[in-house]
Amino acid sequence: MNPDVNDPRAERIPAPAPRGRRPESAPRVAVVGGGIAGLAAACGLAERGSEVVVFEREDGLGGRLRGWDTTLADGSTATMSRGFHAFFRQYYNLRGLLRRADPGLDSLVPLSDYPLVHRSGSRDRFSNLPTTPPWNAFALAATSRSFPVSELAGVNVPAVLQLLDADVPGVHERLGHRSARELLEVTRFPRSARHLAFEVFSRSFFAEPERLSAAEMAVMFHVYFLGSSEGLVFDVPRSPFPQALWNPLEGYLRRAGVRFRTGVEVERVTPGEHLPHAVTWREGGDDDREEFDAVVLAADPRGLRALVAASPGLGTAAWRERVAGIGSAPPFLVSRYWLDRPVRPHRQAFLGTAGYPTLDNVSVLDRYEDQAREWAARTGGSVVELHAYALPEDHDPAAERKSLWEQATAVYPELAAAREVDARHELRADCALFPPGGYRDRCAVTTPDPTLVVAGDHVRVDLPVALMEGAATTGLSAANALLSHWGMPGHTLWTVPRRGRDAVLRGLARVARQPGQRPEVRSR
């Protein structure tokens, strides 16, 4: 039994049956990308005897969760990253990957609460809710000021029922053509509830609700709240990402025979002379080349598009067109401040926000991360991090950094009196976009070439997974596809239930979808 699975309705996904002829020698596999997806693929392949080489353009592993050293103005060394990430309990495959190097997951520490606050002052928290659906939803509606009783009578019940029947991939056929904004509006939830409990979720996909598929939002509700009994409380790394996660996992993979080439840019993948694929990369101004039996493309959307465009013989024309159509989400900003004084003692480690121009959450790193805690104890200060997702494409970076800080002082007024010891700002635009109508044309793990597979949180896998768990799941799925092709056993996956967990509520949702009861057109 998976030690991370506490939900009795979580589903075990068996590995695909071996179907090919087992090769006489160990297959050689190139994994392009050293993020979660690439590391998961490398792990799955190496554990079955493949010779794996991981290519990563950055100097360290982890992809969007990598970290790097920086020297602060006071002379101390800190590990910077792209900021706070929540490791939810229902991230079964990601947690299983991390357990390879950390069997007890001692690198993770639970956060006791996850409050959400609106600019108007309304506040919600999830730590005291029951974990089993639908009772968690009923309890939230009964106890939250975001769901005033006087406004609940106007809720569009047939539309809300659709959130309780988020089967994958069926929900994409039903809701995928509409935006999350339309879904928010058609439910007719109170406006405060939309802001606090719903728009916060959509912006976690680094997109405004009008640019996000309604089906993706429904799946997110299902994964985190309506379909799983693991709850909304999560864990965070107790140390910076490299020390807590990637250095131990790299050590495990090296012991399994994986080779790493970091700081190199893969330029193209072409047909090999002796093996199916040749990978060409640039390192130190020179090109190098090596041949492989298979390739896992685990780059981010921008890197994947560029690599496929530079490799004209890769895949079919239709597949290449799908890759070219992968969209990127709007820019996001992470600002981390080392301050000369602490925030108030009762401040939470993590606070989600809604109703502010761009501020989406505030983290106090010295509440949970040992490196930040040591710095704060030594200096008497604090380490505060601000996130702004889905920024306008034409935003002014300097003005946005200033505005984000001003918004944070409205949330935590004591910040206004703090002096900045140092700060780091990460402005990126390399996350995937999941727009309305995009699911059908999304790249799948497999391609027309059985020795070429794709992995990443932007890849379709027809399971209710997202974000980091999507990356880990597609990485292991990519490994499984190759292993099956070579007649080898793969790896079992786990997921939250693939449909609404209550049969009665699923039935009511289907009745509500019948002609004359379509939730999207039902009148007041």
Protein backbone atom coordinates (compact mmCIF):
# COMPACT_ATOMS: atom_id res chain seq x y z
CA MET A 1 0.00 0.00 0.00
CA ASN A 2 1.19 3.50 -0.77
CA PRO A 3 2.10 5.19 2.55
CA ASP A 4 0.81 8.52 1.24
CA VAL A 5 -2.68 7.25 0.43
CA ASN A 6 -5.15 7.86 3.26
CA ASP A 7 -8.25 8.22 1.08
CA PRO A 8 -9.95 4.81 0.74
CA ARG A 9 -11.31 5.88 -2.65
CA ALA A 10 -7.98 6.84 -4.14
CA GLU A 11 -7.34 4.82 -7.29
CA ARG A 12 -4.42 2.59 -8.15
CA ILE A 13 -3.41 2.81 -11.80
CA PRO A 14 -1.56 -0.35 -12.87
CA ALA A 15 1.41 -0.01 -15.18
CA PRO A 16 0.71 -0.85 -18.83
CA ALA A 17 1.37 -4.45 -19.74
CA PRO A 18 4.70 -5.22 -21.40
CA ARG A 19 4.00 -5.52 -25.12
CA GLY A 20 7.30 -5.34 -26.97
CA ARG A 21 10.36 -7.52 -27.19
CA ARG A 22 12.86 -7.02 -24.40
CA PRO A 23 16.12 -5.64 -25.84
CA GLU A 24 19.32 -7.65 -25.48
CA SER A 25 21.16 -4.77 -23.83
CA ALA A 26 20.03 -1.96 -21.55
CA PRO A 27 18.22 0.76 -23.52
CA ARG A 28 19.93 4.15 -23.57
CA VAL A 29 17.55 7.05 -22.89
CA ALA A 30 18.06 10.81 -23.04
CA VAL A 31 15.85 12.87 -20.74
CA VAL A 32 15.74 16.51 -21.82
CA GLY A 33 14.85 18.53 -18.74
CA GLY A 34 15.83 18.11 -15.11
CA GLY A 35 12.62 19.29 -13.48
CA ILE A 36 10.09 17.13 -11.67
CA ALA A 37 8.85 15.48 -14.87
CA GLY A 38 12.34 14.67 -16.12
CA LEU A 39 13.53 13.37 -12.75
CA ALA A 40 10.43 11.18 -12.44
CA ALA A 41 11.02 9.74 -15.92
CA ALA A 42 14.70 9.16 -15.19
CA CYS A 43 13.82 7.43 -11.94
CA GLY A 44 11.23 5.16 -13.53
CA LEU A 45 13.61 4.14 -16.30
CA ALA A 46 16.76 3.72 -14.22
CA GLU A 47 14.95 1.52 -11.69
CA ARG A 48 14.20 -0.89 -14.54
CA GLY A 49 17.77 -0.99 -15.81
CA SER A 50 17.87 1.68 -18.52
CA GLU A 51 20.99 3.78 -19.02
CA VAL A 52 19.73 7.33 -18.53
CA VAL A 53 21.34 10.70 -19.22
CA VAL A 54 19.51 13.81 -17.96
CA PHE A 55 20.22 17.05 -19.82
CA GLU A 56 19.41 20.28 -17.97
CA ARG A 57 20.13 23.78 -19.28
CA GLU A 58 20.36 25.29 -15.78
CA ASP A 59 23.20 24.57 -13.39
CA GLY A 60 20.92 22.78 -10.94
CA LEU A 61 18.02 20.34 -10.92
CA GLY A 62 14.40 20.94 -10.01
CA GLY A 63 13.13 22.93 -12.99
CA ARG A 64 10.76 25.59 -11.75
CA LEU A 65 11.57 24.41 -8.21
CA ARG A 66 15.33 24.71 -8.50
CA GLY A 67 17.33 26.92 -6.16
CA TRP A 68 20.60 28.80 -6.38
CA ASP A 69 22.93 30.58 -3.99
CA THR A 70 22.98 34.35 -3.72
CA THR A 71 25.02 36.67 -1.51
CA LEU A 72 23.01 39.22 0.45
CA ALA A 73 24.02 42.78 1.23
CA ASP A 74 24.95 41.76 4.78
CA GLY A 75 27.44 39.22 3.42
CA SER A 76 25.41 36.12 4.23
CA THR A 77 24.63 33.43 1.66
CA ALA A 78 21.03 32.49 0.96
CA THR A 79 19.35 30.06 -1.41
CA MET A 80 16.99 31.87 -3.75
CA SER A 81 14.24 30.12 -5.70
CA ARG A 82 11.02 30.87 -7.50
CA GLY A 83 9.15 30.75 -4.28
CA PHE A 84 6.63 28.97 -2.15
CA HIS A 85 5.17 25.66 -3.35
CA ALA A 86 2.61 23.56 -1.47
CA PHE A 87 3.08 19.79 -1.37
CA PHE A 88 -0.48 18.58 -0.90
CA ARG A 89 -1.16 15.18 0.62
CA GLN A 90 -2.92 14.03 -2.57
CA TYR A 91 0.27 14.46 -4.61
CA TYR A 92 0.75 10.70 -4.43
CA ASN A 93 3.17 10.24 -7.31
CA LEU A 94 5.31 13.25 -6.46
CA ARG A 95 5.57 12.18 -2.84
CA GLY A 96 6.40 8.65 -3.96
CA LEU A 97 9.22 10.04 -6.09
CA LEU A 98 10.63 12.00 -3.16
CA ARG A 99 10.40 8.95 -0.90
CA ARG A 100 13.02 7.23 -3.06
CA ALA A 101 15.65 9.39 -1.37
CA ASP A 102 13.72 10.34 1.77
CA PRO A 103 11.59 7.34 2.85
CA GLY A 104 10.01 9.16 5.77
CA LEU A 105 9.55 12.46 3.92
CA ASP A 106 11.44 14.08 6.76
CA SER A 107 12.32 16.93 4.40
CA LEU A 108 8.70 18.11 4.51
CA VAL A 109 6.95 19.85 7.39
CA PRO A 110 3.17 20.39 7.64
CA LEU A 111 1.65 23.85 7.79
CA SER A 112 -1.08 23.89 10.40
CA ASP A 113 -3.34 26.31 8.54
CA TYR A 114 -4.02 27.79 5.11
CA PRO A 115 -5.97 31.03 5.60
CA LEU A 116 -7.41 33.03 2.72
CA VAL A 117 -8.23 36.70 3.24
CA HIS A 118 -10.13 39.11 1.03
CA ARG A 119 -9.29 42.78 0.76
CA SER A 120 -12.69 43.52 2.31
CA GLY A 121 -11.60 41.73 5.48
CA SER A 122 -13.47 38.44 5.10
CA ARG A 123 -11.35 35.43 5.93
CA ASP A 124 -11.54 31.68 5.50
CA ARG A 125 -9.41 28.82 6.74
CA PHE A 126 -9.41 25.11 5.95
CA SER A 127 -7.62 23.51 8.89
CA ASN A 128 -10.80 22.99 10.92
CA LEU A 129 -12.93 21.52 8.13
CA PRO A 130 -13.79 17.84 7.81
CA THR A 131 -11.70 16.28 5.07
CA THR A 132 -14.31 14.05 3.43
CA PRO A 133 -16.45 15.46 0.59
CA PRO A 134 -19.13 16.67 0.41
CA TRP A 135 -19.12 17.39 4.16
CA ASN A 136 -16.09 19.65 3.80
CA ALA A 137 -18.00 21.80 1.29
CA PHE A 138 -21.12 21.91 3.47
CA ALA A 139 -19.02 22.89 6.49
CA LEU A 140 -17.27 25.65 4.55
CA ALA A 141 -20.58 27.07 3.33
CA ALA A 142 -22.06 26.88 6.84
CA THR A 143 -19.17 28.54 8.66
CA SER A 144 -17.71 30.97 6.13
CA ARG A 145 -18.70 34.63 5.90
CA SER A 146 -17.97 34.30 2.19
CA PHE A 147 -21.22 32.31 1.85
CA PRO A 148 -23.88 34.59 3.37
CA VAL A 149 -27.12 32.68 3.90
CA SER A 150 -29.15 35.46 2.30
CA GLU A 151 -27.36 34.92 -1.03
CA LEU A 152 -27.29 31.13 -1.12
CA ALA A 153 -30.87 30.95 -2.37
CA GLY A 154 -29.71 32.38 -5.70
CA VAL A 155 -27.10 29.70 -6.32
CA ASN A 156 -27.52 27.79 -9.59
CA VAL A 157 -27.76 24.27 -8.17
CA PRO A 158 -27.51 22.38 -11.51
CA ALA A 159 -24.31 24.27 -12.30
CA VAL A 160 -22.86 23.59 -8.87
CA LEU A 161 -23.66 19.89 -9.24
CA GLN A 162 -21.32 19.75 -12.23
CA LEU A 163 -18.44 20.38 -9.85
CA LEU A 164 -19.35 17.16 -8.04
CA ASP A 165 -19.05 15.05 -11.20
CA ALA A 166 -15.60 16.00 -12.46
CA ASP A 167 -14.75 12.79 -14.29
CA VAL A 168 -11.62 12.86 -16.43
CA PRO A 169 -11.58 13.18 -19.39
CA GLY A 170 -15.38 13.58 -19.61
CA VAL A 171 -15.46 16.92 -17.80
CA HIS A 172 -13.28 18.38 -20.54
CA GLU A 173 -15.87 17.43 -23.15
CA ARG A 174 -18.65 19.07 -21.13
CA LEU A 175 -16.98 22.18 -19.72
CA GLY A 176 -13.71 22.55 -21.58
CA HIS A 177 -15.10 24.94 -24.20
CA ARG A 178 -16.02 27.49 -21.53
CA SER A 179 -13.79 29.68 -19.39
CA ALA A 180 -13.39 29.46 -15.65
CA ARG A 181 -14.86 32.97 -15.48
CA GLU A 182 -18.06 31.71 -17.11
CA LEU A 183 -18.20 28.82 -14.67
CA LEU A 184 -17.76 31.20 -11.74
CA GLU A 185 -20.56 33.40 -13.01
CA VAL A 186 -23.01 30.65 -13.90
CA THR A 187 -22.80 29.07 -10.44
CA ARG A 188 -24.11 32.36 -9.01
CA PHE A 189 -22.14 31.86 -5.83
CA PRO A 190 -21.89 35.01 -3.71
CA ARG A 191 -19.26 37.35 -5.13
CA SER A 192 -17.15 37.09 -1.99
CA ALA A 193 -17.09 33.31 -2.35
CA ARG A 194 -16.03 33.57 -5.98
CA HIS A 195 -13.12 35.78 -5.05
CA LEU A 196 -11.99 33.93 -1.98
CA ALA A 197 -12.61 30.28 -2.73
CA PHE A 198 -12.56 30.21 -6.53
CA GLU A 199 -10.47 32.91 -8.21
CA VAL A 200 -7.65 32.04 -5.85
CA PHE A 201 -7.67 28.53 -7.34
CA SER A 202 -7.74 29.69 -10.95
CA ARG A 203 -4.81 32.05 -10.46
CA SER A 204 -2.80 29.15 -9.08
CA PHE A 205 -2.67 28.12 -12.74
CA PHE A 206 -0.95 31.47 -13.43
CA ALA A 207 -3.91 32.67 -15.47
CA GLU A 208 -6.91 34.92 -15.08
CA PRO A 209 -10.22 33.01 -14.98
CA GLU A 210 -11.24 34.16 -18.46
CA ARG A 211 -8.11 32.53 -19.94
CA LEU A 212 -8.44 29.25 -18.04
CA SER A 213 -10.65 26.34 -19.10
CA ALA A 214 -13.67 25.78 -16.87
CA ALA A 215 -12.85 22.07 -16.95
CA GLU A 216 -9.40 22.71 -15.49
CA MET A 217 -10.99 24.67 -12.66
CA ALA A 218 -13.51 21.88 -12.05
CA VAL A 219 -10.67 19.34 -11.96
CA MET A 220 -8.78 21.53 -9.50
CA PHE A 221 -11.82 21.70 -7.20
CA HIS A 222 -12.07 17.92 -7.51
CA VAL A 223 -8.40 17.23 -6.74
CA TYR A 224 -8.09 19.51 -3.75
CA PHE A 225 -11.56 19.71 -2.25
CA LEU A 226 -14.55 17.93 -3.77
CA GLY A 227 -13.05 14.62 -4.91
CA SER A 228 -10.40 13.78 -2.32
CA SER A 229 -10.55 13.24 1.42
CA GLU A 230 -6.87 14.11 1.91
CA GLY A 231 -7.83 17.67 2.82
CA LEU A 232 -6.44 21.08 1.93
CA VAL A 233 -3.68 21.21 4.52
CA PHE A 234 -0.28 20.72 2.93
CA ASP A 235 3.43 20.27 3.59
CA VAL A 236 6.35 22.48 2.65
CA PRO A 237 10.09 21.75 2.48
CA ARG A 238 11.80 22.51 5.78
CA SER A 239 14.97 23.55 3.89
CA PRO A 240 15.53 25.27 0.52
CA PHE A 241 14.56 23.12 -2.46
CA PRO A 242 18.05 21.87 -3.41
CA GLN A 243 18.99 20.81 0.10
CA ALA A 244 15.60 19.31 0.96
CA LEU A 245 14.61 17.68 -2.32
CA TRP A 246 16.91 17.65 -5.31
CA ASN A 247 20.34 16.95 -3.85
CA PRO A 248 19.09 13.77 -2.10
CA LEU A 249 17.14 12.66 -5.18
CA GLU A 250 20.14 13.32 -7.43
CA GLY A 251 22.24 11.14 -5.14
CA TYR A 252 19.67 8.34 -5.32
CA LEU A 253 19.52 8.53 -9.12
CA ARG A 254 23.30 8.60 -9.49
CA ARG A 255 23.49 5.43 -7.41
CA ALA A 256 20.96 3.94 -9.84
CA GLY A 257 23.29 4.77 -12.73
CA VAL A 258 21.78 8.03 -14.01
CA ARG A 259 24.25 10.53 -15.50
CA PHE A 260 23.58 14.26 -15.36
CA ARG A 261 24.69 16.97 -17.76
CA THR A 262 23.70 20.30 -16.21
CA GLY A 263 24.36 23.72 -17.64
CA VAL A 264 24.00 22.41 -21.20
CA GLU A 265 21.48 23.40 -23.85
CA VAL A 266 20.08 20.61 -26.04
CA GLU A 267 19.96 22.12 -29.52
CA ARG A 268 18.24 19.41 -31.55
CA VAL A 269 17.21 15.77 -31.75
CA THR A 270 17.87 14.06 -35.08
CA PRO A 271 17.88 10.49 -36.42
CA GLY A 272 20.95 8.61 -35.25
CA GLU A 273 23.33 6.53 -37.32
CA HIS A 274 23.33 3.49 -35.03
CA LEU A 275 20.44 4.17 -32.64
CA PRO A 276 17.05 5.80 -33.32
CA HIS A 277 17.94 9.24 -31.94
CA ALA A 278 20.94 11.55 -31.76
CA VAL A 279 20.94 14.37 -29.22
CA THR A 280 23.13 17.39 -29.93
CA TRP A 281 23.91 19.84 -27.15
CA ARG A 282 26.12 22.84 -26.58
CA GLU A 283 28.50 23.02 -23.65
CA GLY A 284 31.23 25.60 -23.20
CA GLY A 285 30.86 26.92 -26.74
CA ASP A 286 31.25 23.50 -28.39
CA ASP A 287 28.68 21.08 -29.78
CA ASP A 288 28.60 17.47 -28.66
CA ARG A 289 26.48 14.55 -29.78
CA GLU A 290 25.35 11.21 -28.39
CA GLU A 291 22.95 8.55 -29.65
CA PHE A 292 20.06 6.98 -27.72
CA ASP A 293 17.38 4.34 -28.08
CA ALA A 294 14.72 6.76 -26.83
CA VAL A 295 14.19 10.37 -25.82
CA VAL A 296 11.98 11.89 -23.12
CA LEU A 297 11.14 15.53 -23.83
CA ALA A 298 10.59 17.00 -20.36
CA ALA A 299 11.32 20.65 -21.09
CA ASP A 300 9.02 23.53 -20.17
CA PRO A 301 6.56 24.74 -22.86
CA ARG A 302 8.90 27.34 -24.32
CA GLY A 303 11.86 24.97 -24.35
CA LEU A 304 9.79 22.17 -25.89
CA ARG A 305 8.51 24.41 -28.67
CA ALA A 306 12.02 25.63 -29.47
CA LEU A 307 13.58 22.17 -29.44
CA VAL A 308 10.95 20.63 -31.70
CA ALA A 309 11.17 23.59 -34.09
CA ALA A 310 14.94 23.04 -34.31
CA SER A 311 14.49 19.28 -34.93
CA PRO A 312 12.59 19.08 -38.24
CA GLY A 313 12.69 15.28 -38.44
CA LEU A 314 11.09 14.78 -35.04
CA GLY A 315 7.55 13.38 -35.04
CA THR A 316 4.81 13.90 -37.59
CA ALA A 317 3.57 17.20 -38.99
CA ALA A 318 0.35 16.96 -36.96
CA TRP A 319 2.26 16.28 -33.75
CA ARG A 320 4.68 19.12 -34.39
CA GLU A 321 1.72 21.43 -34.92
CA ARG A 322 0.36 20.44 -31.52
CA VAL A 323 3.68 21.22 -29.90
CA ALA A 324 3.85 24.59 -31.64
CA GLY A 325 0.39 25.38 -30.26
CA ILE A 326 1.31 24.90 -26.59
CA GLY A 327 0.58 28.21 -24.92
CA SER A 328 2.44 29.95 -22.13
CA ALA A 329 0.69 31.54 -19.17
CA PRO A 330 1.10 35.25 -18.41
CA PRO A 331 4.14 36.48 -16.47
CA PHE A 332 4.34 36.08 -12.71
CA LEU A 333 6.48 37.80 -10.11
CA VAL A 334 8.08 36.43 -6.95
CA SER A 335 9.59 39.06 -4.63
CA ARG A 336 11.54 37.95 -1.57
CA TYR A 337 12.59 40.46 1.09
CA TRP A 338 15.09 40.08 3.89
CA LEU A 339 13.88 42.63 6.45
CA ASP A 340 15.44 44.19 9.54
CA ARG A 341 12.56 43.34 11.87
CA PRO A 342 10.08 40.50 12.37
CA VAL A 343 6.47 40.43 11.32
CA ARG A 344 3.96 40.13 14.13
CA PRO A 345 4.13 36.81 15.99
CA HIS A 346 0.65 35.64 14.98
CA ARG A 347 1.29 35.92 11.23
CA GLN A 348 0.83 32.63 9.39
CA ALA A 349 3.58 30.98 7.37
CA PHE A 350 1.35 31.29 4.29
CA LEU A 351 -1.59 33.57 3.55
CA GLY A 352 -3.62 33.54 0.35
CA THR A 353 -5.17 36.84 -0.70
CA ALA A 354 -8.01 37.93 -2.97
CA GLY A 355 -9.38 41.25 -4.14
CA TYR A 356 -6.00 42.98 -4.39
CA PRO A 357 -4.76 44.33 -7.72
CA THR A 358 -2.02 41.71 -8.16
CA LEU A 359 -1.01 40.27 -4.77
CA ASP A 360 -1.94 36.58 -4.56
CA ASN A 361 -0.18 35.38 -1.43
CA VAL A 362 2.29 36.26 1.31
CA SER A 363 4.75 33.79 2.86
CA VAL A 364 6.89 34.24 5.96
CA LEU A 365 9.77 31.87 5.24
CA ASP A 366 11.28 31.99 8.71
CA ARG A 367 8.11 30.34 10.00
CA TYR A 368 9.02 27.04 8.29
CA GLU A 369 12.35 27.10 6.39
CA ASP A 370 15.46 26.44 8.46
CA GLN A 371 17.80 28.68 6.46
CA ALA A 372 15.46 31.66 6.70
CA ARG A 373 14.80 30.90 10.38
CA GLU A 374 18.53 30.92 11.12
CA TRP A 375 18.98 34.25 9.32
CA ALA A 376 16.03 35.79 11.18
CA ALA A 377 17.31 34.52 14.54
CA ARG A 378 20.77 35.90 13.87
CA THR A 379 19.65 39.33 12.64
CA GLY A 380 16.35 39.86 14.45
CA GLY A 381 14.64 40.26 11.09
CA SER A 382 12.31 38.22 8.91
CA VAL A 383 12.14 36.82 5.38
CA VAL A 384 8.92 37.64 3.54
CA GLU A 385 7.91 36.51 0.06
CA LEU A 386 5.20 37.96 -2.18
CA HIS A 387 3.64 36.32 -5.24
CA ALA A 388 1.78 37.97 -8.11
CA TYR A 389 0.37 35.59 -10.73
CA ALA A 390 -1.06 36.41 -14.14
CA LEU A 391 0.43 39.86 -14.60
CA PRO A 392 -0.51 41.90 -17.68
CA GLU A 393 1.83 41.28 -20.58
CA ASP A 394 2.62 45.00 -20.81
CA HIS A 395 3.26 45.57 -17.09
CA ASP A 396 6.18 47.69 -15.93
CA PRO A 397 8.44 45.44 -13.78
CA ALA A 398 9.74 48.20 -11.49
CA ALA A 399 6.27 49.63 -10.98
CA GLU A 400 4.87 46.16 -10.27
CA ARG A 401 7.52 45.41 -7.65
CA LYS A 402 6.67 48.71 -5.93
CA SER A 403 2.94 48.07 -6.14
CA LEU A 404 3.26 44.53 -4.83
CA TRP A 405 5.13 45.75 -1.76
CA GLU A 406 2.51 48.43 -1.12
CA GLN A 407 -0.26 45.84 -1.36
CA ALA A 408 1.60 43.66 1.14
CA THR A 409 1.80 46.52 3.63
CA ALA A 410 -1.99 46.74 3.47
CA VAL A 411 -2.17 43.06 4.46
CA TYR A 412 0.59 43.21 7.09
CA PRO A 413 0.81 46.89 8.15
CA GLU A 414 3.99 46.32 10.19
CA LEU A 415 5.87 45.84 6.92
CA ALA A 416 5.64 49.58 6.26
CA ALA A 417 8.11 50.26 9.08
CA ALA A 418 10.58 47.55 8.04
CA ARG A 419 13.88 48.34 6.38
CA GLU A 420 14.95 46.21 3.44
CA VAL A 421 18.26 44.46 4.10
CA ASP A 422 18.13 42.96 0.63
CA ALA A 423 15.65 41.68 -1.93
CA ARG A 424 15.46 39.38 -4.92
CA HIS A 425 12.84 39.46 -7.66
CA GLU A 426 12.03 36.66 -10.09
CA LEU A 427 9.89 37.62 -13.09
CA ARG A 428 9.11 34.61 -15.29
CA ALA A 429 6.68 33.54 -17.99
CA ASP A 430 7.38 29.84 -18.56
CA CYS A 431 4.31 28.08 -17.15
CA ALA A 432 1.72 26.36 -19.30
CA LEU A 433 -1.61 27.91 -20.24
CA PHE A 434 -4.76 25.75 -20.25
CA PRO A 435 -7.23 27.83 -22.27
CA PRO A 436 -10.85 27.04 -23.09
CA GLY A 437 -11.06 24.53 -25.93
CA GLY A 438 -7.43 23.46 -25.65
CA TYR A 439 -7.67 20.01 -24.08
CA ARG A 440 -8.33 17.99 -27.22
CA ASP A 441 -5.23 19.33 -28.97
CA ARG A 442 -2.95 19.11 -25.95
CA CYS A 443 0.15 16.95 -26.33
CA ALA A 444 -0.13 13.49 -24.84
CA VAL A 445 2.66 11.50 -23.22
CA THR A 446 3.03 9.23 -26.23
CA THR A 447 3.79 10.38 -29.76
CA PRO A 448 3.60 8.74 -33.21
CA ASP A 449 7.14 7.46 -32.52
CA PRO A 450 7.10 4.83 -29.74
CA THR A 451 10.66 5.81 -28.75
CA LEU A 452 9.77 9.48 -28.26
CA VAL A 453 7.66 10.55 -25.26
CA VAL A 454 6.76 13.86 -23.61
CA ALA A 455 6.40 14.78 -19.93
CA GLY A 456 5.50 17.88 -17.97
CA ASP A 457 2.56 19.56 -16.27
CA HIS A 458 1.48 20.83 -19.71
CA VAL A 459 1.03 17.25 -21.02
CA ARG A 460 -2.32 15.46 -21.21
CA VAL A 461 -2.54 12.29 -19.16
CA ASP A 462 -6.35 11.79 -18.68
CA LEU A 463 -6.08 11.64 -14.89
CA PRO A 464 -7.18 14.24 -12.32
CA VAL A 465 -3.71 15.66 -11.67
CA ALA A 466 -2.24 19.15 -11.97
CA LEU A 467 0.81 21.28 -11.32
CA MET A 468 3.66 19.41 -9.57
CA GLU A 469 1.65 16.19 -9.39
CA GLY A 470 0.92 16.48 -13.09
CA ALA A 471 4.64 16.75 -13.76
CA ALA A 472 5.50 13.70 -11.65
CA THR A 473 2.64 11.65 -13.09
CA THR A 474 3.50 12.38 -16.72
CA GLY A 475 7.17 11.67 -16.04
CA LEU A 476 6.41 8.23 -14.65
CA SER A 477 3.86 7.67 -17.43
CA ALA A 478 6.53 8.49 -20.02
CA ALA A 479 8.85 5.94 -18.41
CA ASN A 480 6.03 3.38 -18.37
CA ALA A 481 5.32 3.90 -22.08
CA LEU A 482 8.94 3.19 -23.01
CA LEU A 483 9.21 0.25 -20.63
CA SER A 484 6.07 -1.31 -22.07
CA HIS A 485 7.45 -0.85 -25.60
CA TRP A 486 10.56 -2.75 -24.50
CA GLY A 487 8.62 -5.56 -22.84
CA MET A 488 9.51 -4.46 -19.32
CA PRO A 489 7.34 -3.96 -16.24
CA GLY A 490 6.45 -0.38 -15.37
CA HIS A 491 5.43 1.48 -12.24
CA THR A 492 2.08 1.70 -10.47
CA LEU A 493 0.57 5.18 -10.28
CA TRP A 494 -1.98 6.58 -7.84
CA THR A 495 -4.60 9.26 -8.24
CA VAL A 496 -7.55 10.79 -6.48
CA PRO A 497 -10.85 9.28 -7.70
CA ARG A 498 -11.29 9.72 -11.46
CA ARG A 499 -14.92 10.78 -11.06
CA GLY A 500 -17.16 12.37 -8.45
CA ARG A 501 -16.91 10.26 -5.31
CA ASP A 502 -20.64 10.14 -4.43
CA ALA A 503 -22.92 8.12 -6.73
CA VAL A 504 -26.08 10.01 -5.74
CA LEU A 505 -24.51 13.40 -6.44
CA ARG A 506 -23.09 12.12 -9.73
CA GLY A 507 -26.57 11.02 -10.70
CA LEU A 508 -28.08 14.39 -9.82
CA ALA A 509 -25.39 16.12 -11.85
CA ARG A 510 -26.19 14.00 -14.88
CA VAL A 511 -29.91 14.68 -14.54
CA ALA A 512 -29.11 18.39 -14.41
CA ARG A 513 -27.29 18.06 -17.73
CA GLN A 514 -30.35 16.75 -19.55
CA PRO A 515 -32.06 18.90 -22.23
CA GLY A 516 -34.00 21.70 -20.60
CA GLN A 517 -31.80 21.63 -17.52
CA ARG A 518 -28.47 22.75 -18.97
CA PRO A 519 -26.72 24.62 -16.16
CA GLU A 520 -25.06 27.15 -18.44
CA VAL A 521 -28.36 28.50 -19.75
CA ARG A 522 -30.67 28.01 -16.81
CA SER A 523 -32.44 31.28 -16.01
CA ARG A 524 -32.84 32.90 -12.63
